Protein backbone atom coordinates (compact mmCIF):
# COMPACT_ATOMS: atom_id res chain seq x y z
CA MET A 1 109.95 110.00 188.88
CA LYS A 2 113.58 109.51 189.71
CA LEU A 3 113.74 105.91 188.66
CA LEU A 4 116.93 104.73 190.25
CA GLU A 5 116.39 106.60 193.49
CA ALA A 6 113.19 104.59 193.83
CA VAL A 7 114.73 101.21 193.19
CA LYS A 8 118.19 101.27 194.73
CA SER A 9 116.92 100.37 198.18
CA LYS A 10 114.34 97.85 196.98
CA LYS A 11 114.45 94.14 196.33
CA ILE A 12 114.24 93.03 192.72
CA ALA A 13 112.59 89.72 193.57
CA GLY A 14 108.95 89.33 194.50
CA THR A 15 105.51 90.20 193.17
CA PHE A 16 103.88 93.50 192.29
CA LEU A 17 100.59 95.19 193.15
CA ALA A 18 98.16 96.85 190.79
CA SER A 19 98.90 100.16 192.49
CA ALA A 20 102.55 99.77 191.50
CA LEU A 21 101.66 99.96 187.83
CA VAL A 22 100.53 103.55 187.72
CA ILE A 23 103.73 105.05 186.39
CA GLY A 24 104.00 102.97 183.25
CA SER A 25 104.60 105.98 181.04
CA LEU A 26 108.01 106.40 182.66
CA GLY A 27 109.07 102.96 181.53
CA THR A 28 108.52 99.46 182.81
CA ILE A 29 110.93 99.62 185.73
CA SER A 30 109.49 102.81 187.10
CA ALA A 31 106.04 101.25 186.97
CA PHE A 32 107.22 98.68 189.49
CA ALA A 33 109.10 101.22 191.55
CA ALA A 34 105.91 103.00 192.54
CA ASN A 35 105.26 100.71 195.50
CA GLY A 36 108.00 100.53 198.10
CA SER A 37 107.51 96.94 199.21
CA ASP A 38 107.00 95.25 195.87
CA ALA A 39 109.10 93.74 193.17
CA ILE A 40 111.16 95.96 190.99
CA PRO A 41 112.35 94.03 187.96
CA LYS A 42 115.25 96.12 186.88
CA ASN A 43 117.30 95.09 183.93
CA THR A 44 115.53 96.08 180.77
CA VAL A 45 116.06 96.18 177.07
CA MET A 46 113.70 98.82 175.76
CA THR A 47 113.14 99.45 172.07
CA ALA A 48 111.14 102.60 171.45
CA SER A 49 109.37 103.12 168.16
CA ALA A 50 108.93 106.79 168.93
CA PRO A 51 109.05 109.85 166.64
CA THR A 52 112.59 110.39 165.41
CA ASP A 53 112.39 114.12 164.69
CA ALA A 54 110.23 117.16 165.38
CA SER A 55 108.21 116.90 162.18
CA ALA A 56 107.48 113.23 162.79
CA ALA A 57 106.43 113.96 166.36
CA ALA A 58 104.04 116.66 165.20
CA SER A 59 102.59 114.35 162.57
CA ASP A 60 102.08 111.53 165.04
CA LYS A 61 100.42 113.81 167.56
CA ALA A 62 98.07 115.10 164.89
CA GLU A 63 96.84 111.53 164.39
CA GLY A 64 95.93 111.09 168.06
CA THR A 65 96.20 112.78 171.43
CA ILE A 66 96.38 109.72 173.70
CA GLU A 67 99.92 108.86 174.83
CA TYR A 68 100.45 105.14 174.43
CA GLY A 69 103.34 102.92 175.50
CA LYS A 70 104.03 99.21 175.36
CA ALA A 71 106.75 97.17 177.03
CA VAL A 72 107.55 93.47 176.72
CA TYR A 73 109.61 92.40 179.73
CA SER A 74 111.37 89.16 180.60
CA ARG A 75 113.92 88.09 183.19
CA THR A 76 116.91 86.16 182.00
CA ASP A 77 116.12 83.29 184.37
CA GLY A 78 112.57 83.05 183.02
CA SER A 79 110.95 83.74 186.39
CA GLN A 80 108.98 86.76 185.24
CA ASN A 81 107.56 87.64 181.84
CA PHE A 82 104.87 90.17 181.03
CA THR A 83 103.56 92.63 178.49
CA LEU A 84 102.60 96.05 179.84
CA GLU A 85 100.56 98.63 177.92
CA HIS A 86 99.54 102.06 179.15
CA TRP A 87 97.35 104.87 177.88
CA TYR A 88 97.24 108.44 179.20
CA ASN A 89 94.91 111.28 178.25
CA PRO A 90 96.75 114.54 179.07
CA GLN A 91 93.48 116.49 178.95
CA THR A 92 91.26 114.41 181.22
CA LYS A 93 94.14 112.78 183.17
CA ASP A 94 92.51 109.37 182.68
CA TYR A 95 95.10 106.61 182.88
CA ARG A 96 95.00 102.91 182.07
CA THR A 97 97.56 100.13 182.45
CA ASP A 98 97.18 96.57 181.13
CA VAL A 99 99.49 93.79 182.31
CA ILE A 100 99.55 90.31 180.76
CA ASP A 101 101.66 87.76 182.64
CA TYR A 102 103.29 84.71 181.06
CA SER A 103 105.19 81.70 182.39
CA ALA A 104 108.79 80.91 181.45
CA ASP A 105 107.48 78.71 178.62
CA HIS A 106 105.18 81.54 177.45
CA ARG A 107 101.92 80.12 178.80
CA PHE A 108 99.24 82.67 179.67
CA LEU A 109 99.00 83.32 183.43
CA GLY A 110 96.83 86.40 183.82
CA TYR A 111 95.59 89.63 182.29
CA ARG A 112 94.40 92.67 184.23
CA SER A 113 93.53 96.25 183.38
CA THR A 114 93.87 99.08 185.92
CA TYR A 115 92.08 102.39 185.34
CA TYR A 116 92.16 105.76 187.07
CA LEU A 117 89.07 107.69 185.99
CA ASN A 118 86.79 110.65 186.66
CA GLY A 119 89.41 113.08 187.87
CA ARG A 120 91.26 110.16 189.49
CA SER A 121 88.46 109.75 191.96
CA GLU A 122 87.87 106.11 190.97
CA MET A 123 90.20 103.17 190.45
CA VAL A 124 88.98 100.12 188.54
CA VAL A 125 90.69 96.74 188.16
CA ILE A 126 89.32 94.34 185.54
CA GLN A 127 90.53 90.75 185.20
CA ARG A 128 90.47 89.49 181.61
CA ASP A 129 90.83 86.18 179.81
CA GLN A 130 93.67 85.58 177.35
CA ASN A 131 91.58 87.10 174.54
CA GLY A 132 91.09 90.32 176.46
CA ASN A 133 87.45 89.71 177.38
CA PRO A 134 86.48 90.98 180.85
CA VAL A 135 85.87 88.27 183.43
CA SER A 136 85.43 90.25 186.66
CA GLY A 137 85.87 93.80 187.87
CA LYS A 138 86.18 95.86 191.05
CA MET A 139 85.95 99.58 191.77
CA LEU A 140 87.54 101.60 194.57
CA LYS A 141 86.67 105.20 195.33
CA ARG A 142 89.36 107.62 196.50
CA THR A 143 87.16 108.60 199.44
CA ASP A 144 87.31 105.03 200.75
CA ASP A 145 91.09 104.51 200.40
CA PRO A 146 93.24 107.32 198.96
CA LYS A 147 96.56 105.44 199.19
CA PRO A 148 96.63 103.80 195.72
CA PHE A 149 95.75 107.14 194.12
CA GLU A 150 98.63 109.05 195.68
CA PRO A 151 101.41 107.92 193.28
CA LEU A 152 99.57 109.51 190.36
CA ASP A 153 99.07 112.73 192.29
CA GLN A 154 102.83 113.04 192.73
CA LYS A 155 104.04 112.05 189.25
CA ASN A 156 104.10 113.50 185.76
CA LEU A 157 102.69 110.90 183.39
CA ASP A 158 103.32 112.83 180.18
CA PHE A 159 105.76 111.61 177.55
CA SER A 160 107.96 114.53 178.59
CA ALA A 161 108.64 112.75 181.88
CA VAL A 162 110.07 109.76 180.03
CA LYS A 163 112.72 111.95 178.47
CA GLU A 164 113.36 113.98 181.63
CA ASN A 165 113.98 110.77 183.55
CA TYR A 166 117.09 110.12 181.46
CA GLU A 167 118.44 113.65 181.90
CA ALA A 168 119.02 113.30 185.66
CA SER A 169 122.47 113.99 187.07
CA TYR A 170 123.13 110.41 188.23
CA TRP A 171 123.53 109.16 184.64
CA THR A 172 127.03 108.81 183.19
CA SER A 173 127.63 108.90 179.45
CA VAL A 174 129.40 105.74 178.27
CA GLY A 175 129.58 106.40 174.55
CA THR A 176 127.38 105.40 171.64
CA GLU A 177 126.28 102.21 169.96
CA GLN A 178 124.65 101.19 166.70
CA THR A 179 121.29 99.40 166.67
CA PRO A 180 120.70 96.42 164.35
CA ASP A 181 118.99 98.75 161.86
CA GLY A 182 122.02 101.03 161.72
CA LYS A 183 120.92 103.90 163.99
CA THR A 184 123.44 105.47 166.37
CA VAL A 185 122.14 105.78 169.94
CA ASN A 186 123.59 107.35 173.06
CA LYS A 187 124.56 105.01 175.89
CA ILE A 188 124.18 106.07 179.54
CA MET A 189 124.66 104.14 182.78
CA ASP A 190 124.03 104.29 186.50
CA SER A 191 125.65 101.99 189.07
CA TYR A 192 124.31 101.16 192.54
CA GLN A 193 123.58 98.26 194.89
CA SER A 194 120.32 96.36 195.37
CA TYR A 195 118.98 93.05 196.68
CA ILE A 196 118.19 90.46 194.02
CA ASP A 197 116.46 88.22 196.56
CA ASP A 198 115.76 88.28 200.29
CA ASN A 199 119.39 87.85 201.30
CA THR A 200 121.60 88.54 198.27
CA GLN A 201 122.91 92.04 197.68
CA ALA A 202 124.47 92.78 194.31
CA ASN A 203 126.23 95.53 192.44
CA MET A 204 123.95 96.72 189.67
CA GLN A 205 124.61 98.40 186.33
CA TYR A 206 121.60 99.93 184.64
CA ILE A 207 122.39 100.78 181.01
CA VAL A 208 120.10 102.77 178.73
CA TYR A 209 120.42 103.35 174.99
CA LEU A 210 118.71 106.59 173.94
CA ASP A 211 117.58 107.76 170.53
CA PRO A 212 119.28 111.19 170.35
CA LYS A 213 116.50 112.60 168.13
CA SER A 214 113.39 111.44 169.96
CA GLY A 215 114.80 111.36 173.51
CA PHE A 216 113.13 108.00 174.15
CA PRO A 217 115.02 104.88 175.21
CA VAL A 218 115.79 102.47 172.41
CA LYS A 219 117.15 99.76 174.66
CA GLU A 220 117.75 99.27 178.38
CA GLU A 221 119.73 96.61 180.19
CA LEU A 222 120.21 95.79 183.85
CA TYR A 223 123.20 93.72 184.94
CA GLU A 224 123.74 92.27 188.41
CA ASP A 225 127.00 91.21 190.03
CA SER A 226 126.43 89.02 193.09
CA SER A 227 129.24 86.55 192.36
CA GLY A 228 132.11 88.61 190.94
CA THR A 229 130.82 88.79 187.36
CA PHE A 230 128.14 91.04 185.90
CA LYS A 231 125.27 89.07 184.35
CA LEU A 232 122.24 90.24 182.42
CA PHE A 233 119.22 90.25 184.74
CA SER A 234 116.30 91.06 182.41
CA THR A 235 115.33 92.59 179.07
CA ASP A 236 112.54 94.84 177.85
CA THR A 237 111.39 96.17 174.47
CA ASP A 238 109.24 99.30 174.29
CA GLU A 239 107.09 101.45 172.02
CA TYR A 240 105.94 105.06 172.42
CA GLN A 241 103.38 106.68 170.14
CA TYR A 242 100.28 108.86 169.98
CA VAL A 243 96.99 107.07 169.28
CA SER A 244 93.36 108.06 168.77
CA ASP A 245 90.64 107.03 171.20
CA ASP A 246 87.67 105.39 169.49
CA GLY A 247 85.83 105.38 172.80
CA SER A 248 87.08 101.99 173.97
CA ILE A 249 90.37 102.83 175.70
CA PHE A 250 88.89 104.13 178.96
CA ASN A 251 85.50 102.43 178.63
CA ILE A 252 84.78 100.10 181.57
CA GLY A 253 81.38 98.92 180.33
CA GLY A 254 80.48 95.32 179.58
CA ILE A 255 80.93 93.96 183.09
CA THR A 256 79.45 94.51 186.54
CA LEU A 257 81.94 96.15 188.89
CA THR A 258 82.03 95.08 192.53
CA PRO A 259 82.53 98.02 194.92
CA VAL A 260 85.38 97.56 197.43
CA LYS A 261 86.58 99.67 200.34
CA SER A 262 90.36 99.13 200.28
CA SER A 263 93.28 98.61 197.91
CA ALA A 264 93.85 95.17 199.46
CA GLU A 265 90.38 94.11 198.34
CA LEU A 266 90.91 95.68 194.94
CA ILE A 267 93.99 93.67 194.06
CA ALA A 268 92.85 90.39 195.62
CA LYS A 269 92.32 87.80 192.90
CA LYS A 270 88.89 86.87 194.25
């Protein structure tokens, strides 16, 4: 998806819906950009432990065919902190996103898994405890409410889309930078305006540091200027790798799923 086109007109403050987490493979911010009325936490610091050359990529893919990503996100003001993991099977199109929320002082707040299964005809949301054990679960069929399925229908979830996202024409090259481990990465930026709360509009600078060999982001940063000075808004560290499925990734067994008829029921906490 075109990340910045999706977020420029949105508010950064607020909460997010389970249906907004379907595009996790395009990066944390784009996961939140999938739903037009929800929060879009935008400044990120992404560190990608992705293949660094063609031979490494081939080797990693040989070890597994499931595309896996992980992001650890936090706002500078401490108001939002979460870990997001996502798994995508390019053959079956099954997709899973896990989100674990934490408080500013790193206390556990919630853990939910969202699945799109069986040809994306079913959507499952499972609430988990802090150890990952399922507590409750709900299932929605596309035939009852197609709306939360539509973002996946329109987007490319492959790793290739992550790289393509950073090749769009709105990015401006702003040089290179060295990472703490000595790697040289390319630095790109996009500038725009957005609301950081209900009434405050700010100038935004979204900066991405790309590994020139893998094409994945190594770091991303979002800065907001609502008072005459640009300030860091949030940070995010990421991983991208291929993994093998031992049968547990897309398995929704172990808990009774409650059928629901709408996305509103699906994401309700009770």
